[in-house]
Amino acid sequence: MNARREDARRKIQLGGLVIKSGMADYPASVILGALTLAAGALKGPNADTTKARFEAAGDEAFPMMERTAATVPSRQFLPDREVKHDGF
């Protein structure tokens, strides 16, 4: 995969995490502020404890999201339609 595609994929994945976290309806400044505070906490004196707490919360949230995703139809069940790609 080329660097441009890898970069686009990473940004899409990170945006998906914002949505999955339930923060998508907040203004961008709130999302960036929360992430900036989290990044600061991960560099602070209790970085290891903070990282462990964040990781535990994330690990707990992923199974919940997988259960929710199971109720949403996947692409294979949606009607076929032509998808146009923009230079990919």
C-alpha atoms as a PDB file:
ATOM      1  CA  MET A   1       0.000   0.000   0.000  1.00  0.00           C
ATOM      2  CA  ASN A   2       1.428   3.382  -0.867  1.00  0.00           C
ATOM      3  CA  ALA A   3       2.075   6.090   1.712  1.00  0.00           C
ATOM      4  CA  ARG A   4      -0.885   8.235   0.621  1.00  0.00           C
ATOM      5  CA  ARG A   5      -3.334   5.364   1.006  1.00  0.00           C
ATOM      6  CA  GLU A   6      -1.848   4.355   4.349  1.00  0.00           C
ATOM      7  CA  ASP A   7      -2.205   7.944   5.579  1.00  0.00           C
ATOM      8  CA  ALA A   8      -5.822   8.128   4.393  1.00  0.00           C
ATOM      9  CA  ARG A   9      -6.621   4.774   6.000  1.00  0.00           C
ATOM     10  CA  ARG A  10      -5.110   5.881   9.320  1.00  0.00           C
ATOM     11  CA  LYS A  11      -7.116   9.107   9.308  1.00  0.00           C
ATOM     12  CA  ILE A  12     -10.331   7.221   8.564  1.00  0.00           C
ATOM     13  CA  GLN A  13      -9.613   4.772  11.391  1.00  0.00           C
ATOM     14  CA  LEU A  14      -8.916   7.610  13.837  1.00  0.00           C
ATOM     15  CA  GLY A  15     -12.094   9.399  12.770  1.00  0.00           C
ATOM     16  CA  GLY A  16     -13.977   6.156  13.324  1.00  0.00           C
ATOM     17  CA  LEU A  17     -12.656   6.031  16.872  1.00  0.00           C
ATOM     18  CA  VAL A  18     -13.997   9.524  17.523  1.00  0.00           C
ATOM     19  CA  ILE A  19     -17.398   8.375  16.277  1.00  0.00           C
ATOM     20  CA  LYS A  20     -17.290   5.121  18.271  1.00  0.00           C
ATOM     21  CA  SER A  21     -16.347   7.037  21.406  1.00  0.00           C
ATOM     22  CA  GLY A  22     -19.610   8.968  21.202  1.00  0.00           C
ATOM     23  CA  MET A  23     -17.864  12.310  20.666  1.00  0.00           C
ATOM     24  CA  ALA A  24     -18.810  12.891  17.025  1.00  0.00           C
ATOM     25  CA  ASP A  25     -21.573  15.367  17.877  1.00  0.00           C
ATOM     26  CA  TYR A  26     -19.269  17.631  19.877  1.00  0.00           C
ATOM     27  CA  PRO A  27     -17.584  20.623  18.257  1.00  0.00           C
ATOM     28  CA  ALA A  28     -14.098  19.963  16.887  1.00  0.00           C
ATOM     29  CA  SER A  29     -12.603  22.197  19.586  1.00  0.00           C
ATOM     30  CA  VAL A  30     -14.076  19.987  22.323  1.00  0.00           C
ATOM     31  CA  ILE A  31     -12.778  16.808  20.671  1.00  0.00           C
ATOM     32  CA  LEU A  32      -9.316  18.294  20.171  1.00  0.00           C
ATOM     33  CA  GLY A  33      -9.318  19.646  23.733  1.00  0.00           C
ATOM     34  CA  ALA A  34     -10.210  16.238  25.166  1.00  0.00           C
ATOM     35  CA  LEU A  35      -7.525  14.542  23.099  1.00  0.00           C
ATOM     36  CA  THR A  36      -4.966  17.196  24.061  1.00  0.00           C
ATOM     37  CA  LEU A  37      -5.743  16.719  27.754  1.00  0.00           C
ATOM     38  CA  ALA A  38      -5.481  12.938  27.337  1.00  0.00           C
ATOM     39  CA  ALA A  39      -2.150  13.294  25.512  1.00  0.00           C
ATOM     40  CA  GLY A  40      -0.861  15.504  28.333  1.00  0.00           C
ATOM     41  CA  ALA A  41      -1.967  12.972  30.932  1.00  0.00           C
ATOM     42  CA  LEU A  42      -0.127  10.259  29.021  1.00  0.00           C
ATOM     43  CA  LYS A  43       3.068  12.320  29.321  1.00  0.00           C
ATOM     44  CA  GLY A  44       2.549  13.263  32.971  1.00  0.00           C
ATOM     45  CA  PRO A  45       3.969  11.806  36.180  1.00  0.00           C
ATOM     46  CA  ASN A  46       1.315   9.051  36.287  1.00  0.00           C
ATOM     47  CA  ALA A  47       1.650   8.163  32.605  1.00  0.00           C
ATOM     48  CA  ASP A  48       1.761   4.389  33.127  1.00  0.00           C
ATOM     49  CA  THR A  49      -1.334   4.372  35.339  1.00  0.00           C
ATOM     50  CA  THR A  50      -3.178   6.714  32.979  1.00  0.00           C
ATOM     51  CA  LYS A  51      -2.307   4.598  29.956  1.00  0.00           C
ATOM     52  CA  ALA A  52      -3.503   1.466  31.761  1.00  0.00           C
ATOM     53  CA  ARG A  53      -6.809   3.175  32.642  1.00  0.00           C
ATOM     54  CA  PHE A  54      -7.329   4.403  29.077  1.00  0.00           C
ATOM     55  CA  GLU A  55      -6.423   1.009  27.648  1.00  0.00           C
ATOM     56  CA  ALA A  56      -8.810  -0.804  30.014  1.00  0.00           C
ATOM     57  CA  ALA A  57     -11.630   1.579  29.074  1.00  0.00           C
ATOM     58  CA  GLY A  58     -10.892   1.076  25.369  1.00  0.00           C
ATOM     59  CA  ASP A  59     -10.727  -2.697  25.717  1.00  0.00           C
ATOM     60  CA  GLU A  60     -14.074  -2.621  27.509  1.00  0.00           C
ATOM     61  CA  ALA A  61     -15.638  -0.391  24.851  1.00  0.00           C
ATOM     62  CA  PHE A  62     -14.572  -2.477  21.837  1.00  0.00           C
ATOM     63  CA  PRO A  63     -16.656  -5.583  22.692  1.00  0.00           C
ATOM     64  CA  MET A  64     -19.658  -3.325  23.340  1.00  0.00           C
ATOM     65  CA  MET A  65     -19.140  -1.732  19.919  1.00  0.00           C
ATOM     66  CA  GLU A  66     -18.834  -5.130  18.266  1.00  0.00           C
ATOM     67  CA  ARG A  67     -22.215  -6.114  19.723  1.00  0.00           C
ATOM     68  CA  THR A  68     -23.703  -2.856  18.428  1.00  0.00           C
ATOM     69  CA  ALA A  69     -22.097  -3.336  15.004  1.00  0.00           C
ATOM     70  CA  ALA A  70     -23.682  -6.781  14.760  1.00  0.00           C
ATOM     71  CA  THR A  71     -27.094  -5.089  14.646  1.00  0.00           C
ATOM     72  CA  VAL A  72     -26.091  -2.768  11.785  1.00  0.00           C
ATOM     73  CA  PRO A  73     -26.303  -4.285   8.294  1.00  0.00           C
ATOM     74  CA  SER A  74     -22.943  -4.783   6.660  1.00  0.00           C
ATOM     75  CA  ARG A  75     -22.144  -3.632   3.138  1.00  0.00           C
ATOM     76  CA  GLN A  76     -22.828  -7.094   1.757  1.00  0.00           C
ATOM     77  CA  PHE A  77     -26.524  -6.706   2.572  1.00  0.00           C
ATOM     78  CA  LEU A  78     -26.927  -3.243   1.075  1.00  0.00           C
ATOM     79  CA  PRO A  79     -28.177  -2.824  -2.508  1.00  0.00           C
ATOM     80  CA  ASP A  80     -25.495  -2.836  -5.170  1.00  0.00           C
ATOM     81  CA  ARG A  81     -24.589   0.525  -6.541  1.00  0.00           C
ATOM     82  CA  GLU A  82     -21.766   1.897  -8.583  1.00  0.00           C
ATOM     83  CA  VAL A  83     -18.977   3.296  -6.438  1.00  0.00           C
ATOM     84  CA  LYS A  84     -16.768   5.900  -8.040  1.00  0.00           C
ATOM     85  CA  HIS A  85     -13.239   6.262  -6.774  1.00  0.00           C
ATOM     86  CA  ASP A  86     -11.460   9.554  -6.896  1.00  0.00           C
ATOM     87  CA  GLY A  87      -7.982   8.650  -8.081  1.00  0.00           C
ATOM     88  CA  PHE A  88      -7.432   5.609  -5.883  1.00  0.00           C
END
